[in-house]
Amino acid sequence: MLANAKKMLKDAKNGKYAIGQFNINNLEWTKAILEVAEENKSPVILGVSEGAAKYMGGYDAVVGMVTGLDKALKITVPVAIHLDHGSSFESTKAAMDAGFTSIMFDGSELSIDENIKITKQVVEYAKTKNVSVEAEVGTVGGEEDGVVGGVRYASLDECTRIAKEAQPDSLAASLGSVHGHYSGEPKLGFKEMEEYSRATDLPLVLHGGSGIPSDMLKKAIHAGEAKINVNTEIQEAFTKGVREYIDNNKDKEEKGYDPRKVLKGPIANMKAVVKAKIDIFESANKA
């Protein structure tokens, strides 16, 4: 069932577990994630970058696909359709108007004053649509779907200001995580997570959740991270399955070219990643 992310993240923060945001790229991605969430009775957030939305045919097409699958699969757990790294007020408004239930405005490259100004504008419009809002301060490193940046830690002042002045529902405070692959072991600011979580009283969001060891993810959750984003690991699981199918010449067997056969292994791989993350995040049976 479609819902905004406000209650699920507040419950996660209070319960010391995390909700997974799993980014989607097509119908198979979406169906796999919804099925695993339902099987495990876990709330779930479907992340959609602006690039992925464009690839899938636009915001209306994404909402139509998710709502159709939600109905067909008889999903009972809370599902948020979340715009990941919205680049402008206009982009977030278009997603909300199409039916997205959750929005992230990424003003991390702006001055803190401009970031707060636009985030506040997004929050005010979101209230009219019953949509939850995630704000970002600091810069997540790496590159993901056109979003590029070097790591810049969020400051306590930035976090408390945006929490008080813009009043978002959650806060992505960059504290050492990166999109894509890590070079060496991740260096996360657990002390700052605890401090910022207390100071803002907001659920924190950890971007770049792929590749972080499970013990570090659990430590981050207990430090205040209530939402963890996973994308790269799912993409890698998918492409690994496709590669194995082709390498084993399965596509040359009788009707092996049928995409439903080609994608069977990759889908199973993706579901295994999502299930493993739900176990680490301890969000099962929290719906």
C-alpha atoms as a PDB file:
ATOM      1  CA  MET A   1       0.000   0.000   0.000  1.00  0.00           C
ATOM      2  CA  LEU A   2       1.344   3.402  -0.937  1.00  0.00           C
ATOM      3  CA  ALA A   3       2.348   5.692   1.913  1.00  0.00           C
ATOM      4  CA  ASN A   4       4.698   8.547   2.571  1.00  0.00           C
ATOM      5  CA  ALA A   5       7.868   7.785   4.519  1.00  0.00           C
ATOM      6  CA  LYS A   6       7.269   9.977   7.574  1.00  0.00           C
ATOM      7  CA  LYS A   7       5.775   7.392   9.958  1.00  0.00           C
ATOM      8  CA  MET A   8       7.932   4.489   8.805  1.00  0.00           C
ATOM      9  CA  LEU A   9      11.116   6.490   9.380  1.00  0.00           C
ATOM     10  CA  LYS A  10      10.018   7.875  12.738  1.00  0.00           C
ATOM     11  CA  ASP A  11       9.161   4.348  13.876  1.00  0.00           C
ATOM     12  CA  ALA A  12      12.523   3.096  12.610  1.00  0.00           C
ATOM     13  CA  LYS A  13      14.437   5.834  14.457  1.00  0.00           C
ATOM     14  CA  ASN A  14      12.611   5.062  17.691  1.00  0.00           C
ATOM     15  CA  GLY A  15      12.956   1.305  17.224  1.00  0.00           C
ATOM     16  CA  LYS A  16      16.668   1.369  16.292  1.00  0.00           C
ATOM     17  CA  TYR A  17      16.201  -0.303  12.909  1.00  0.00           C
ATOM     18  CA  ALA A  18      16.329   1.078   9.368  1.00  0.00           C
ATOM     19  CA  ILE A  19      14.114   1.131   6.302  1.00  0.00           C
ATOM     20  CA  GLY A  20      15.803   0.220   3.052  1.00  0.00           C
ATOM     21  CA  GLN A  21      15.547   2.480   0.042  1.00  0.00           C
ATOM     22  CA  PHE A  22      16.118   0.237  -2.946  1.00  0.00           C
ATOM     23  CA  ASN A  23      16.435   2.107  -6.222  1.00  0.00           C
ATOM     24  CA  ILE A  24      14.397   0.851  -9.170  1.00  0.00           C
ATOM     25  CA  ASN A  25      15.133   0.935 -12.899  1.00  0.00           C
ATOM     26  CA  ASN A  26      12.313  -1.059 -14.513  1.00  0.00           C
ATOM     27  CA  LEU A  27       9.356  -3.353 -13.875  1.00  0.00           C
ATOM     28  CA  GLU A  28      11.497  -6.354 -12.927  1.00  0.00           C
ATOM     29  CA  TRP A  29      13.410  -4.296 -10.361  1.00  0.00           C
ATOM     30  CA  THR A  30      10.193  -2.997  -8.824  1.00  0.00           C
ATOM     31  CA  LYS A  31       8.406  -6.345  -8.742  1.00  0.00           C
ATOM     32  CA  ALA A  32      11.392  -8.086  -7.141  1.00  0.00           C
ATOM     33  CA  ILE A  33      11.703  -5.509  -4.356  1.00  0.00           C
ATOM     34  CA  LEU A  34       7.968  -5.424  -3.634  1.00  0.00           C
ATOM     35  CA  GLU A  35       7.772  -9.206  -3.434  1.00  0.00           C
ATOM     36  CA  VAL A  36      10.664  -9.439  -0.976  1.00  0.00           C
ATOM     37  CA  ALA A  37       9.247  -6.615   1.159  1.00  0.00           C
ATOM     38  CA  GLU A  38       5.850  -8.340   1.282  1.00  0.00           C
ATOM     39  CA  GLU A  39       7.359 -11.752   2.058  1.00  0.00           C
ATOM     40  CA  ASN A  40       9.296 -10.240   4.954  1.00  0.00           C
ATOM     41  CA  LYS A  41       6.561  -7.849   6.093  1.00  0.00           C
ATOM     42  CA  SER A  42       8.969  -4.958   5.830  1.00  0.00           C
ATOM     43  CA  PRO A  43       8.130  -1.348   4.975  1.00  0.00           C
ATOM     44  CA  VAL A  44      10.049  -0.317   1.871  1.00  0.00           C
ATOM     45  CA  ILE A  45      11.074   2.779  -0.056  1.00  0.00           C
ATOM     46  CA  LEU A  46      11.407   2.604  -3.835  1.00  0.00           C
ATOM     47  CA  GLY A  47      14.069   5.118  -4.854  1.00  0.00           C
ATOM     48  CA  VAL A  48      13.779   6.774  -8.262  1.00  0.00           C
ATOM     49  CA  SER A  49      16.499   9.097  -9.505  1.00  0.00           C
ATOM     50  CA  GLU A  50      15.630  11.761 -12.061  1.00  0.00           C
ATOM     51  CA  GLY A  51      17.639   9.803 -14.637  1.00  0.00           C
ATOM     52  CA  ALA A  52      15.856   6.547 -13.860  1.00  0.00           C
ATOM     53  CA  ALA A  53      12.466   8.275 -14.037  1.00  0.00           C
ATOM     54  CA  LYS A  54      13.318   9.618 -17.469  1.00  0.00           C
ATOM     55  CA  TYR A  55      14.504   6.164 -18.579  1.00  0.00           C
ATOM     56  CA  MET A  56      11.234   4.579 -17.414  1.00  0.00           C
ATOM     57  CA  GLY A  57       9.071   7.100 -19.284  1.00  0.00           C
ATOM     58  CA  GLY A  58       8.609   9.872 -16.743  1.00  0.00           C
ATOM     59  CA  TYR A  59       7.095  10.330 -13.313  1.00  0.00           C
ATOM     60  CA  ASP A  60       3.571   9.389 -14.380  1.00  0.00           C
ATOM     61  CA  ALA A  61       4.800   6.123 -15.899  1.00  0.00           C
ATOM     62  CA  VAL A  62       6.709   5.255 -12.712  1.00  0.00           C
ATOM     63  CA  VAL A  63       3.697   5.885 -10.490  1.00  0.00           C
ATOM     64  CA  GLY A  64       1.442   3.912 -12.839  1.00  0.00           C
ATOM     65  CA  MET A  65       3.818   0.949 -12.779  1.00  0.00           C
ATOM     66  CA  VAL A  66       4.212   0.945  -9.000  1.00  0.00           C
ATOM     67  CA  THR A  67       0.510   1.358  -8.272  1.00  0.00           C
ATOM     68  CA  GLY A  68      -0.344  -1.373 -10.778  1.00  0.00           C
ATOM     69  CA  LEU A  69       2.118  -3.809  -9.210  1.00  0.00           C
ATOM     70  CA  ASP A  70       1.003  -2.822  -5.712  1.00  0.00           C
ATOM     71  CA  LYS A  71      -2.539  -3.835  -6.625  1.00  0.00           C
ATOM     72  CA  ALA A  72      -1.694  -6.930  -8.665  1.00  0.00           C
ATOM     73  CA  LEU A  73       0.701  -8.335  -6.053  1.00  0.00           C
ATOM     74  CA  LYS A  74      -1.694  -7.491  -3.202  1.00  0.00           C
ATOM     75  CA  ILE A  75       1.003  -5.641  -1.306  1.00  0.00           C
ATOM     76  CA  THR A  76       0.035  -4.953   2.312  1.00  0.00           C
ATOM     77  CA  VAL A  77       3.258  -3.354   3.588  1.00  0.00           C
ATOM     78  CA  PRO A  78       3.820   0.423   3.424  1.00  0.00           C
ATOM     79  CA  VAL A  79       5.517   1.420   0.149  1.00  0.00           C
ATOM     80  CA  ALA A  80       6.903   4.891  -0.538  1.00  0.00           C
ATOM     81  CA  ILE A  81       7.701   6.048  -4.073  1.00  0.00           C
ATOM     82  CA  HIS A  82      10.633   8.348  -3.427  1.00  0.00           C
ATOM     83  CA  LEU A  83      12.338  10.873  -5.703  1.00  0.00           C
ATOM     84  CA  ASP A  84      16.067  10.448  -5.081  1.00  0.00           C
ATOM     85  CA  HIS A  85      18.267  13.556  -5.425  1.00  0.00           C
ATOM     86  CA  GLY A  86      15.626  15.919  -6.758  1.00  0.00           C
ATOM     87  CA  SER A  87      17.606  18.754  -8.300  1.00  0.00           C
ATOM     88  CA  SER A  88      15.092  21.606  -8.149  1.00  0.00           C
ATOM     89  CA  PHE A  89      11.749  22.673  -6.748  1.00  0.00           C
ATOM     90  CA  GLU A  90      10.236  22.205 -10.206  1.00  0.00           C
ATOM     91  CA  SER A  91      11.439  18.606 -10.421  1.00  0.00           C
ATOM     92  CA  THR A  92      10.162  17.706  -6.965  1.00  0.00           C
ATOM     93  CA  LYS A  93       6.813  19.365  -7.679  1.00  0.00           C
ATOM     94  CA  ALA A  94       6.423  17.414 -10.920  1.00  0.00           C
ATOM     95  CA  ALA A  95       7.075  14.148  -9.074  1.00  0.00           C
ATOM     96  CA  MET A  96       4.605  15.043  -6.312  1.00  0.00           C
ATOM     97  CA  ASP A  97       1.966  16.027  -8.855  1.00  0.00           C
ATOM     98  CA  ALA A  98       2.419  12.648 -10.544  1.00  0.00           C
ATOM     99  CA  GLY A  99       1.809  10.788  -7.287  1.00  0.00           C
ATOM    100  CA  PHE A 100       5.210  10.268  -5.667  1.00  0.00           C
ATOM    101  CA  THR A 101       4.681   9.887  -1.923  1.00  0.00           C
ATOM    102  CA  SER A 102       8.148  10.935  -0.801  1.00  0.00           C
ATOM    103  CA  ILE A 103      10.653  13.509  -2.062  1.00  0.00           C
ATOM    104  CA  MET A 104      14.309  14.295  -1.585  1.00  0.00           C
ATOM    105  CA  PHE A 105      15.527  17.732  -2.468  1.00  0.00           C
ATOM    106  CA  ASP A 106      19.296  17.719  -2.873  1.00  0.00           C
ATOM    107  CA  GLY A 107      20.533  21.235  -2.213  1.00  0.00           C
ATOM    108  CA  SER A 108      23.913  20.064  -0.969  1.00  0.00           C
ATOM    109  CA  GLU A 109      25.822  21.953  -3.661  1.00  0.00           C
ATOM    110  CA  LEU A 110      24.111  25.239  -2.766  1.00  0.00           C
ATOM    111  CA  SER A 111      24.920  27.644   0.032  1.00  0.00           C
ATOM    112  CA  ILE A 112      23.183  26.613   3.240  1.00  0.00           C
ATOM    113  CA  ASP A 113      20.909  29.675   2.991  1.00  0.00           C
ATOM    114  CA  GLU A 114      19.786  28.756  -0.539  1.00  0.00           C
ATOM    115  CA  ASN A 115      19.460  25.092   0.403  1.00  0.00           C
ATOM    116  CA  ILE A 116      17.182  25.976   3.317  1.00  0.00           C
ATOM    117  CA  LYS A 117      15.147  28.396   1.174  1.00  0.00           C
ATOM    118  CA  ILE A 118      14.334  25.810  -1.521  1.00  0.00           C
ATOM    119  CA  THR A 119      13.910  22.921   0.941  1.00  0.00           C
ATOM    120  CA  LYS A 120      11.364  25.016   2.842  1.00  0.00           C
ATOM    121  CA  GLN A 121       9.517  25.685  -0.421  1.00  0.00           C
ATOM    122  CA  VAL A 122       9.479  21.941  -1.172  1.00  0.00           C
ATOM    123  CA  VAL A 123       8.233  21.148   2.350  1.00  0.00           C
ATOM    124  CA  GLU A 124       5.415  23.674   2.114  1.00  0.00           C
ATOM    125  CA  TYR A 125       4.190  22.242  -1.172  1.00  0.00           C
ATOM    126  CA  ALA A 126       4.618  18.653   0.070  1.00  0.00           C
ATOM    127  CA  LYS A 127       2.237  19.349   2.953  1.00  0.00           C
ATOM    128  CA  THR A 128      -0.542  20.001   0.445  1.00  0.00           C
ATOM    129  CA  LYS A 129       0.107  16.583  -1.119  1.00  0.00           C
ATOM    130  CA  ASN A 130       0.715  14.528   2.066  1.00  0.00           C
ATOM    131  CA  VAL A 131       4.257  13.830   0.873  1.00  0.00           C
ATOM    132  CA  SER A 132       7.303  13.334   3.110  1.00  0.00           C
ATOM    133  CA  VAL A 133      10.482  15.328   2.468  1.00  0.00           C
ATOM    134  CA  GLU A 134      14.145  14.411   2.866  1.00  0.00           C
ATOM    135  CA  ALA A 135      16.724  17.200   2.942  1.00  0.00           C
ATOM    136  CA  GLU A 136      20.476  16.908   2.360  1.00  0.00           C
ATOM    137  CA  VAL A 137      23.470  18.761   3.755  1.00  0.00           C
ATOM    138  CA  GLY A 138      27.101  17.942   3.136  1.00  0.00           C
ATOM    139  CA  THR A 139      28.168  16.041   0.022  1.00  0.00           C
ATOM    140  CA  VAL A 140      28.012  12.286  -0.538  1.00  0.00           C
ATOM    141  CA  GLY A 141      31.082  11.220  -2.496  1.00  0.00           C
ATOM    142  CA  GLY A 142      31.299   9.149  -5.656  1.00  0.00           C
ATOM    143  CA  GLU A 143      28.982   9.092  -8.667  1.00  0.00           C
ATOM    144  CA  GLU A 144      25.502   7.691  -9.133  1.00  0.00           C
ATOM    145  CA  ASP A 145      23.244   8.292 -12.122  1.00  0.00           C
ATOM    146  CA  GLY A 146      24.796  11.637 -12.918  1.00  0.00           C
ATOM    147  CA  VAL A 147      25.047  12.765  -9.276  1.00  0.00           C
ATOM    148  CA  VAL A 148      28.750  13.435  -8.672  1.00  0.00           C
ATOM    149  CA  GLY A 149      30.555  14.741  -5.626  1.00  0.00           C
ATOM    150  CA  GLY A 150      33.521  14.559  -3.319  1.00  0.00           C
ATOM    151  CA  VAL A 151      32.917  13.771   0.340  1.00  0.00           C
ATOM    152  CA  ARG A 152      32.145  16.851   2.446  1.00  0.00           C
ATOM    153  CA  TYR A 153      30.960  16.264   5.983  1.00  0.00           C
ATOM    154  CA  ALA A 154      27.797  18.057   7.009  1.00  0.00           C
ATOM    155  CA  SER A 155      28.283  20.417   9.941  1.00  0.00           C
ATOM    156  CA  LEU A 156      26.177  20.444  13.082  1.00  0.00           C
ATOM    157  CA  ASP A 157      25.180  24.048  12.390  1.00  0.00           C
ATOM    158  CA  GLU A 158      23.947  23.178   8.880  1.00  0.00           C
ATOM    159  CA  CYS A 159      21.937  20.255  10.209  1.00  0.00           C
ATOM    160  CA  THR A 160      20.283  22.117  13.072  1.00  0.00           C
ATOM    161  CA  ARG A 161      19.506  25.105  10.873  1.00  0.00           C
ATOM    162  CA  ILE A 162      17.821  23.136   8.093  1.00  0.00           C
ATOM    163  CA  ALA A 163      15.926  20.998  10.604  1.00  0.00           C
ATOM    164  CA  LYS A 164      14.569  24.049  12.421  1.00  0.00           C
ATOM    165  CA  GLU A 165      14.035  26.431   9.498  1.00  0.00           C
ATOM    166  CA  ALA A 166      12.833  24.082   6.720  1.00  0.00           C
ATOM    167  CA  GLN A 167      11.345  21.310   8.898  1.00  0.00           C
ATOM    168  CA  PRO A 168      11.895  18.281   6.626  1.00  0.00           C
ATOM    169  CA  ASP A 169      10.825  14.805   7.772  1.00  0.00           C
ATOM    170  CA  SER A 170      14.292  13.259   7.448  1.00  0.00           C
ATOM    171  CA  LEU A 171      17.839  14.427   6.905  1.00  0.00           C
ATOM    172  CA  ALA A 172      20.615  13.051   4.726  1.00  0.00           C
ATOM    173  CA  ALA A 173      23.629  14.418   6.576  1.00  0.00           C
ATOM    174  CA  SER A 174      26.726  13.361   4.656  1.00  0.00           C
ATOM    175  CA  LEU A 175      29.166  11.748   7.073  1.00  0.00           C
ATOM    176  CA  GLY A 176      31.640   9.822   4.965  1.00  0.00           C
ATOM    177  CA  SER A 177      29.523   7.600   2.718  1.00  0.00           C
ATOM    178  CA  VAL A 178      29.884   7.482  -1.079  1.00  0.00           C
ATOM    179  CA  HIS A 179      27.779   6.441  -4.038  1.00  0.00           C
ATOM    180  CA  GLY A 180      29.089   3.458  -5.955  1.00  0.00           C
ATOM    181  CA  HIS A 181      32.257   1.645  -4.881  1.00  0.00           C
ATOM    182  CA  TYR A 182      34.385   2.511  -1.870  1.00  0.00           C
ATOM    183  CA  SER A 183      38.142   2.901  -2.197  1.00  0.00           C
ATOM    184  CA  GLY A 184      39.269   0.934   0.843  1.00  0.00           C
ATOM    185  CA  GLU A 185      37.154   0.640   3.978  1.00  0.00           C
ATOM    186  CA  PRO A 186      34.347   3.173   4.444  1.00  0.00           C
ATOM    187  CA  LYS A 187      35.138   5.900   7.001  1.00  0.00           C
ATOM    188  CA  LEU A 188      31.852   6.899   8.574  1.00  0.00           C
ATOM    189  CA  GLY A 189      31.323   9.562  11.234  1.00  0.00           C
ATOM    190  CA  PHE A 190      29.476   7.559  13.882  1.00  0.00           C
ATOM    191  CA  LYS A 191      30.114  10.153  16.603  1.00  0.00           C
ATOM    192  CA  GLU A 192      28.624  12.879  14.392  1.00  0.00           C
ATOM    193  CA  MET A 193      25.649  10.659  13.556  1.00  0.00           C
ATOM    194  CA  GLU A 194      24.774  10.374  17.231  1.00  0.00           C
ATOM    195  CA  GLU A 195      25.280  14.085  17.806  1.00  0.00           C
ATOM    196  CA  TYR A 196      23.282  15.207  14.767  1.00  0.00           C
ATOM    197  CA  SER A 197      20.481  12.731  15.476  1.00  0.00           C
ATOM    198  CA  ARG A 198      20.051  14.117  18.982  1.00  0.00           C
ATOM    199  CA  ALA A 199      20.364  17.745  17.915  1.00  0.00           C
ATOM    200  CA  THR A 200      17.846  17.610  15.060  1.00  0.00           C
ATOM    201  CA  ASP A 201      15.511  14.901  16.401  1.00  0.00           C
ATOM    202  CA  LEU A 202      15.131  13.746  12.788  1.00  0.00           C
ATOM    203  CA  PRO A 203      15.593  10.289  11.242  1.00  0.00           C
ATOM    204  CA  LEU A 204      18.962  10.366   9.488  1.00  0.00           C
ATOM    205  CA  VAL A 205      19.484   8.952   5.991  1.00  0.00           C
ATOM    206  CA  LEU A 206      22.599   7.097   4.878  1.00  0.00           C
ATOM    207  CA  HIS A 207      23.257   7.375   1.152  1.00  0.00           C
ATOM    208  CA  GLY A 208      25.716   4.988  -0.462  1.00  0.00           C
ATOM    209  CA  GLY A 209      24.710   1.945   1.606  1.00  0.00           C
ATOM    210  CA  SER A 210      26.157  -0.551  -0.872  1.00  0.00           C
ATOM    211  CA  GLY A 211      29.519  -1.999   0.081  1.00  0.00           C
ATOM    212  CA  ILE A 212      29.399  -1.018   3.748  1.00  0.00           C
ATOM    213  CA  PRO A 213      30.122  -4.007   6.056  1.00  0.00           C
ATOM    214  CA  SER A 214      27.100  -5.217   8.025  1.00  0.00           C
ATOM    215  CA  ASP A 215      28.648  -4.409  11.413  1.00  0.00           C
ATOM    216  CA  MET A 216      29.169  -0.793  10.314  1.00  0.00           C
ATOM    217  CA  LEU A 217      25.590  -0.576   9.032  1.00  0.00           C
ATOM    218  CA  LYS A 218      24.284  -1.819  12.373  1.00  0.00           C
ATOM    219  CA  LYS A 219      26.470   0.697  14.201  1.00  0.00           C
ATOM    220  CA  ALA A 220      25.159   3.479  11.969  1.00  0.00           C
ATOM    221  CA  ILE A 221      21.563   2.450  12.668  1.00  0.00           C
ATOM    222  CA  HIS A 222      22.131   2.600  16.420  1.00  0.00           C
ATOM    223  CA  ALA A 223      23.755   6.013  15.911  1.00  0.00           C
ATOM    224  CA  GLY A 224      20.555   7.398  14.329  1.00  0.00           C
ATOM    225  CA  GLU A 225      20.428   6.300  10.681  1.00  0.00           C
ATOM    226  CA  ALA A 226      16.808   5.265  10.019  1.00  0.00           C
ATOM    227  CA  LYS A 227      16.950   5.002   6.215  1.00  0.00           C
ATOM    228  CA  ILE A 228      19.710   3.355   4.207  1.00  0.00           C
ATOM    229  CA  ASN A 229      19.945   3.623   0.420  1.00  0.00           C
ATOM    230  CA  VAL A 230      21.042   0.624  -1.649  1.00  0.00           C
ATOM    231  CA  ASN A 231      21.537   0.705  -5.410  1.00  0.00           C
ATOM    232  CA  THR A 232      24.964  -0.447  -6.627  1.00  0.00           C
ATOM    233  CA  GLU A 233      24.799  -3.903  -5.041  1.00  0.00           C
ATOM    234  CA  ILE A 234      21.446  -4.588  -6.700  1.00  0.00           C
ATOM    235  CA  GLN A 235      22.732  -3.446 -10.081  1.00  0.00           C
ATOM    236  CA  GLU A 236      25.779  -5.690  -9.733  1.00  0.00           C
ATOM    237  CA  ALA A 237      23.626  -8.672  -8.761  1.00  0.00           C
ATOM    238  CA  PHE A 238      21.459  -8.102 -11.821  1.00  0.00           C
ATOM    239  CA  THR A 239      24.332  -7.836 -14.297  1.00  0.00           C
ATOM    240  CA  LYS A 240      26.072 -10.861 -12.760  1.00  0.00           C
ATOM    241  CA  GLY A 241      22.976 -12.953 -13.473  1.00  0.00           C
ATOM    242  CA  VAL A 242      22.754 -11.731 -17.067  1.00  0.00           C
ATOM    243  CA  ARG A 243      26.457 -12.424 -17.625  1.00  0.00           C
ATOM    244  CA  GLU A 244      26.185 -15.970 -16.266  1.00  0.00           C
ATOM    245  CA  TYR A 245      23.175 -16.696 -18.460  1.00  0.00           C
ATOM    246  CA  ILE A 246      24.952 -15.538 -21.620  1.00  0.00           C
ATOM    247  CA  ASP A 247      28.318 -17.102 -20.691  1.00  0.00           C
ATOM    248  CA  ASN A 248      26.596 -20.446 -20.213  1.00  0.00           C
ATOM    249  CA  ASN A 249      24.955 -20.114 -23.655  1.00  0.00           C
ATOM    250  CA  LYS A 250      21.489 -20.381 -22.147  1.00  0.00           C
ATOM    251  CA  ASP A 251      20.263 -17.859 -24.691  1.00  0.00           C
ATOM    252  CA  LYS A 252      21.050 -20.361 -27.472  1.00  0.00           C
ATOM    253  CA  GLU A 253      18.951 -23.150 -26.009  1.00  0.00           C
ATOM    254  CA  GLU A 254      15.340 -23.613 -27.112  1.00  0.00           C
ATOM    255  CA  LYS A 255      13.602 -20.245 -26.686  1.00  0.00           C
ATOM    256  CA  GLY A 256      16.460 -19.153 -24.460  1.00  0.00           C
ATOM    257  CA  TYR A 257      16.182 -15.715 -25.998  1.00  0.00           C
ATOM    258  CA  ASP A 258      12.864 -15.173 -24.183  1.00  0.00           C
ATOM    259  CA  PRO A 259      13.574 -12.211 -21.871  1.00  0.00           C
ATOM    260  CA  ARG A 260      11.539 -13.840 -19.124  1.00  0.00           C
ATOM    261  CA  LYS A 261      14.050 -16.683 -19.115  1.00  0.00           C
ATOM    262  CA  VAL A 262      17.049 -14.381 -19.425  1.00  0.00           C
ATOM    263  CA  LEU A 263      15.927 -12.325 -16.430  1.00  0.00           C
ATOM    264  CA  LYS A 264      14.984 -15.194 -14.106  1.00  0.00           C
ATOM    265  CA  GLY A 265      18.469 -15.519 -12.625  1.00  0.00           C
ATOM    266  CA  PRO A 266      19.146 -11.786 -12.367  1.00  0.00           C
ATOM    267  CA  ILE A 267      15.819 -11.274 -10.585  1.00  0.00           C
ATOM    268  CA  ALA A 268      16.657 -14.036  -8.087  1.00  0.00           C
ATOM    269  CA  ASN A 269      20.017 -12.353  -7.476  1.00  0.00           C
ATOM    270  CA  MET A 270      18.396  -8.983  -6.826  1.00  0.00           C
ATOM    271  CA  LYS A 271      15.893 -10.503  -4.425  1.00  0.00           C
ATOM    272  CA  ALA A 272      18.705 -12.131  -2.473  1.00  0.00           C
ATOM    273  CA  VAL A 273      20.425  -8.751  -2.015  1.00  0.00           C
ATOM    274  CA  VAL A 274      17.224  -7.060  -0.865  1.00  0.00           C
ATOM    275  CA  LYS A 275      16.476  -9.904   1.582  1.00  0.00           C
ATOM    276  CA  ALA A 276      20.004  -9.728   3.015  1.00  0.00           C
ATOM    277  CA  LYS A 277      19.718  -5.968   3.546  1.00  0.00           C
ATOM    278  CA  ILE A 278      16.314  -6.259   5.213  1.00  0.00           C
ATOM    279  CA  ASP A 279      17.865  -8.770   7.619  1.00  0.00           C
ATOM    280  CA  ILE A 280      20.764  -6.428   8.410  1.00  0.00           C
ATOM    281  CA  PHE A 281      18.457  -3.420   8.783  1.00  0.00           C
ATOM    282  CA  GLU A 282      16.116  -5.507  11.019  1.00  0.00           C
ATOM    283  CA  SER A 283      13.027  -4.074   9.298  1.00  0.00           C
ATOM    284  CA  ALA A 284      11.318  -7.455   8.812  1.00  0.00           C
ATOM    285  CA  ASN A 285       7.927  -7.728  10.564  1.00  0.00           C
ATOM    286  CA  LYS A 286       7.881  -3.973  11.169  1.00  0.00           C
ATOM    287  CA  ALA A 287       5.131  -3.243   8.637  1.00  0.00           C
END
